[in-house]
Amino acid sequence: MTDPTKPLKVLVYSDDVDVRKQVILALGRRPHPDLPEVEYVEVATEPVVVAQMDAGHIDLAVLDGEAVPAGGMGIAKQLKDELRHCPPIVVLTGRPQDGWLATWSRAEASVSHPLDPVELARTVVGLLRPAHATA
């Protein structure tokens, strides 16, 4: 088990600052009492996402599939193909019907716009909890 006092690092990628803020507000400082606090890494461009993920200090990434010029689904696919130990990824899709694209990207989960804070938190906690318990 990991150190319960060490914050979890969650990368939040979108070219839209409002989307990043919605994700952070939905998850809060501690999305679940069983987990440590969360430290957010806000990212607005693909090269910074890749650099942050390459560094290996991210516990989970939330990638906006509607971001431009690089969408979160394409970035997720690239990360899953290129990183040996890629953390879990949640892709934000434009609509629920786009979930199959998130599956193609090899993301562990997807949540559609408009963001439902309860659904997003449940999804993120579901991915962080097992990873945190076995780390």
C-alpha atoms as a PDB file:
ATOM      1  CA  MET A   1       0.000   0.000   0.000  1.00  0.00           C
ATOM      2  CA  THR A   2       1.226   3.511  -0.759  1.00  0.00           C
ATOM      3  CA  ASP A   3       1.875   6.232   1.785  1.00  0.00           C
ATOM      4  CA  PRO A   4      -1.591   7.518   2.820  1.00  0.00           C
ATOM      5  CA  THR A   5      -0.175  10.994   3.464  1.00  0.00           C
ATOM      6  CA  LYS A   6       1.300  11.377  -0.036  1.00  0.00           C
ATOM      7  CA  PRO A   7      -1.145  13.130  -2.376  1.00  0.00           C
ATOM      8  CA  LEU A   8      -2.309  11.372  -5.519  1.00  0.00           C
ATOM      9  CA  LYS A   9      -1.411  13.238  -8.705  1.00  0.00           C
ATOM     10  CA  VAL A  10      -4.213  13.594 -11.212  1.00  0.00           C
ATOM     11  CA  LEU A  11      -3.453  15.152 -14.591  1.00  0.00           C
ATOM     12  CA  VAL A  12      -6.366  17.093 -16.091  1.00  0.00           C
ATOM     13  CA  TYR A  13      -5.992  17.902 -19.805  1.00  0.00           C
ATOM     14  CA  SER A  14      -8.200  20.231 -21.811  1.00  0.00           C
ATOM     15  CA  ASP A  15      -7.573  23.264 -23.977  1.00  0.00           C
ATOM     16  CA  ASP A  16     -10.615  24.777 -22.211  1.00  0.00           C
ATOM     17  CA  VAL A  17      -9.889  26.104 -18.734  1.00  0.00           C
ATOM     18  CA  ASP A  18     -13.578  25.763 -17.829  1.00  0.00           C
ATOM     19  CA  VAL A  19     -13.511  22.009 -18.503  1.00  0.00           C
ATOM     20  CA  ARG A  20     -10.400  21.648 -16.342  1.00  0.00           C
ATOM     21  CA  LYS A  21     -12.101  23.582 -13.533  1.00  0.00           C
ATOM     22  CA  GLN A  22     -15.271  21.429 -13.821  1.00  0.00           C
ATOM     23  CA  VAL A  23     -13.207  18.266 -13.399  1.00  0.00           C
ATOM     24  CA  ILE A  24     -11.312  19.646 -10.410  1.00  0.00           C
ATOM     25  CA  LEU A  25     -14.485  20.911  -8.743  1.00  0.00           C
ATOM     26  CA  ALA A  26     -16.249  17.583  -9.351  1.00  0.00           C
ATOM     27  CA  LEU A  27     -13.445  15.586  -7.745  1.00  0.00           C
ATOM     28  CA  GLY A  28     -12.466  17.993  -4.992  1.00  0.00           C
ATOM     29  CA  ARG A  29      -9.410  17.713  -2.765  1.00  0.00           C
ATOM     30  CA  ARG A  30     -10.306  14.205  -1.606  1.00  0.00           C
ATOM     31  CA  PRO A  31     -12.724  12.290  -3.851  1.00  0.00           C
ATOM     32  CA  HIS A  32     -13.143   9.492  -1.288  1.00  0.00           C
ATOM     33  CA  PRO A  33     -12.271   9.048   2.412  1.00  0.00           C
ATOM     34  CA  ASP A  34     -10.286   5.869   1.615  1.00  0.00           C
ATOM     35  CA  LEU A  35      -7.924   7.815  -0.640  1.00  0.00           C
ATOM     36  CA  PRO A  36      -5.294  10.463   0.061  1.00  0.00           C
ATOM     37  CA  GLU A  37      -5.803  14.048  -1.041  1.00  0.00           C
ATOM     38  CA  VAL A  38      -5.435  14.807  -4.730  1.00  0.00           C
ATOM     39  CA  GLU A  39      -2.918  17.171  -6.258  1.00  0.00           C
ATOM     40  CA  TYR A  40      -3.962  18.360  -9.719  1.00  0.00           C
ATOM     41  CA  VAL A  41      -1.670  18.936 -12.656  1.00  0.00           C
ATOM     42  CA  GLU A  42      -3.573  21.144 -15.117  1.00  0.00           C
ATOM     43  CA  VAL A  43      -2.410  20.828 -18.718  1.00  0.00           C
ATOM     44  CA  ALA A  44      -3.594  22.651 -21.839  1.00  0.00           C
ATOM     45  CA  THR A  45      -1.345  21.168 -24.566  1.00  0.00           C
ATOM     46  CA  GLU A  46      -0.455  17.710 -25.851  1.00  0.00           C
ATOM     47  CA  PRO A  47       3.346  18.066 -25.500  1.00  0.00           C
ATOM     48  CA  VAL A  48       2.981  18.878 -21.804  1.00  0.00           C
ATOM     49  CA  VAL A  49       0.653  15.887 -21.292  1.00  0.00           C
ATOM     50  CA  VAL A  50       3.249  13.588 -22.857  1.00  0.00           C
ATOM     51  CA  ALA A  51       6.090  15.137 -20.814  1.00  0.00           C
ATOM     52  CA  GLN A  52       4.152  14.833 -17.540  1.00  0.00           C
ATOM     53  CA  MET A  53       3.159  11.236 -18.247  1.00  0.00           C
ATOM     54  CA  ASP A  54       6.721  10.333 -19.331  1.00  0.00           C
ATOM     55  CA  ALA A  55       8.012  11.658 -16.000  1.00  0.00           C
ATOM     56  CA  GLY A  56       6.060   8.879 -14.280  1.00  0.00           C
ATOM     57  CA  HIS A  57       4.592  10.798 -11.337  1.00  0.00           C
ATOM     58  CA  ILE A  58       0.940  10.799 -12.438  1.00  0.00           C
ATOM     59  CA  ASP A  59      -1.515   8.401 -10.750  1.00  0.00           C
ATOM     60  CA  LEU A  60      -4.437   9.015 -13.132  1.00  0.00           C
ATOM     61  CA  ALA A  61      -5.165  11.212 -16.150  1.00  0.00           C
ATOM     62  CA  VAL A  62      -8.446  12.811 -17.202  1.00  0.00           C
ATOM     63  CA  LEU A  63      -8.228  13.752 -20.893  1.00  0.00           C
ATOM     64  CA  ASP A  64     -10.793  15.868 -22.721  1.00  0.00           C
ATOM     65  CA  GLY A  65     -11.757  14.077 -25.920  1.00  0.00           C
ATOM     66  CA  GLU A  66     -13.133  17.340 -27.286  1.00  0.00           C
ATOM     67  CA  ALA A  67      -9.880  19.312 -26.841  1.00  0.00           C
ATOM     68  CA  VAL A  68      -8.264  20.894 -29.897  1.00  0.00           C
ATOM     69  CA  PRO A  69      -5.990  20.583 -31.738  1.00  0.00           C
ATOM     70  CA  ALA A  70      -5.166  17.270 -30.003  1.00  0.00           C
ATOM     71  CA  GLY A  71      -8.113  15.345 -28.609  1.00  0.00           C
ATOM     72  CA  GLY A  72      -7.868  13.274 -25.473  1.00  0.00           C
ATOM     73  CA  MET A  73      -8.724  10.013 -27.240  1.00  0.00           C
ATOM     74  CA  GLY A  74      -5.785  10.264 -29.611  1.00  0.00           C
ATOM     75  CA  ILE A  75      -3.484  11.229 -26.756  1.00  0.00           C
ATOM     76  CA  ALA A  76      -4.775   8.310 -24.660  1.00  0.00           C
ATOM     77  CA  LYS A  77      -4.056   5.871 -27.515  1.00  0.00           C
ATOM     78  CA  GLN A  78      -0.553   7.290 -27.958  1.00  0.00           C
ATOM     79  CA  LEU A  79       0.190   7.054 -24.219  1.00  0.00           C
ATOM     80  CA  LYS A  80      -1.125   3.482 -23.959  1.00  0.00           C
ATOM     81  CA  ASP A  81       0.955   2.479 -27.012  1.00  0.00           C
ATOM     82  CA  GLU A  82       4.164   4.207 -25.913  1.00  0.00           C
ATOM     83  CA  LEU A  83       4.374   4.062 -22.112  1.00  0.00           C
ATOM     84  CA  ARG A  84       5.349   0.814 -20.442  1.00  0.00           C
ATOM     85  CA  HIS A  85       3.541   1.685 -17.188  1.00  0.00           C
ATOM     86  CA  CYS A  86       0.732   4.026 -18.180  1.00  0.00           C
ATOM     87  CA  PRO A  87      -1.559   5.069 -15.332  1.00  0.00           C
ATOM     88  CA  PRO A  88      -5.334   4.752 -15.714  1.00  0.00           C
ATOM     89  CA  ILE A  89      -6.960   7.208 -18.107  1.00  0.00           C
ATOM     90  CA  VAL A  90     -10.475   8.643 -18.130  1.00  0.00           C
ATOM     91  CA  VAL A  91     -11.548  10.219 -21.424  1.00  0.00           C
ATOM     92  CA  LEU A  92     -14.248  12.887 -21.485  1.00  0.00           C
ATOM     93  CA  THR A  93     -16.397  12.255 -24.557  1.00  0.00           C
ATOM     94  CA  GLY A  94     -18.690  14.631 -26.411  1.00  0.00           C
ATOM     95  CA  ARG A  95     -21.698  12.350 -25.900  1.00  0.00           C
ATOM     96  CA  PRO A  96     -22.446   8.945 -24.369  1.00  0.00           C
ATOM     97  CA  GLN A  97     -22.502   7.304 -27.823  1.00  0.00           C
ATOM     98  CA  ASP A  98     -18.782   8.091 -28.186  1.00  0.00           C
ATOM     99  CA  GLY A  99     -17.845   5.573 -25.499  1.00  0.00           C
ATOM    100  CA  TRP A 100     -16.715   3.119 -28.188  1.00  0.00           C
ATOM    101  CA  LEU A 101     -14.059   5.636 -29.260  1.00  0.00           C
ATOM    102  CA  ALA A 102     -12.761   5.752 -25.703  1.00  0.00           C
ATOM    103  CA  THR A 103     -12.527   1.951 -25.842  1.00  0.00           C
ATOM    104  CA  TRP A 104     -10.501   2.255 -29.054  1.00  0.00           C
ATOM    105  CA  SER A 105      -8.165   4.690 -27.296  1.00  0.00           C
ATOM    106  CA  ARG A 106      -7.567   2.024 -24.602  1.00  0.00           C
ATOM    107  CA  ALA A 107      -8.719   4.389 -21.851  1.00  0.00           C
ATOM    108  CA  GLU A 108      -9.942   2.537 -18.786  1.00  0.00           C
ATOM    109  CA  ALA A 109     -13.122   4.615 -18.610  1.00  0.00           C
ATOM    110  CA  SER A 110     -15.095   7.424 -20.204  1.00  0.00           C
ATOM    111  CA  VAL A 111     -17.531  10.049 -18.966  1.00  0.00           C
ATOM    112  CA  SER A 112     -19.554  12.179 -21.358  1.00  0.00           C
ATOM    113  CA  HIS A 113     -20.175  15.911 -21.496  1.00  0.00           C
ATOM    114  CA  PRO A 114     -21.990  17.605 -19.873  1.00  0.00           C
ATOM    115  CA  LEU A 115     -20.026  16.345 -16.884  1.00  0.00           C
ATOM    116  CA  ASP A 116     -21.988  14.759 -14.078  1.00  0.00           C
ATOM    117  CA  PRO A 117     -19.845  15.352 -10.959  1.00  0.00           C
ATOM    118  CA  VAL A 118     -21.143  12.205  -9.216  1.00  0.00           C
ATOM    119  CA  GLU A 119     -20.445   9.980 -12.228  1.00  0.00           C
ATOM    120  CA  LEU A 120     -16.987  11.471 -12.739  1.00  0.00           C
ATOM    121  CA  ALA A 121     -16.059  11.059  -9.053  1.00  0.00           C
ATOM    122  CA  ARG A 122     -17.367   7.465  -8.993  1.00  0.00           C
ATOM    123  CA  THR A 123     -15.377   6.641 -12.130  1.00  0.00           C
ATOM    124  CA  VAL A 124     -12.150   8.206 -10.870  1.00  0.00           C
ATOM    125  CA  VAL A 125     -12.441   6.631  -7.401  1.00  0.00           C
ATOM    126  CA  GLY A 126     -13.119   3.256  -9.020  1.00  0.00           C
ATOM    127  CA  LEU A 127      -9.817   3.532 -10.900  1.00  0.00           C
ATOM    128  CA  LEU A 128      -7.722   5.040  -8.109  1.00  0.00           C
ATOM    129  CA  ARG A 129      -8.841   2.754  -5.296  1.00  0.00           C
ATOM    130  CA  PRO A 130      -7.391  -0.555  -6.647  1.00  0.00           C
ATOM    131  CA  ALA A 131      -4.218   1.129  -7.900  1.00  0.00           C
ATOM    132  CA  HIS A 132      -3.690   2.827  -4.537  1.00  0.00           C
ATOM    133  CA  ALA A 133      -4.313  -0.368  -2.566  1.00  0.00           C
ATOM    134  CA  THR A 134      -1.769  -2.425  -4.541  1.00  0.00           C
ATOM    135  CA  ALA A 135       0.909   0.207  -5.057  1.00  0.00           C
END
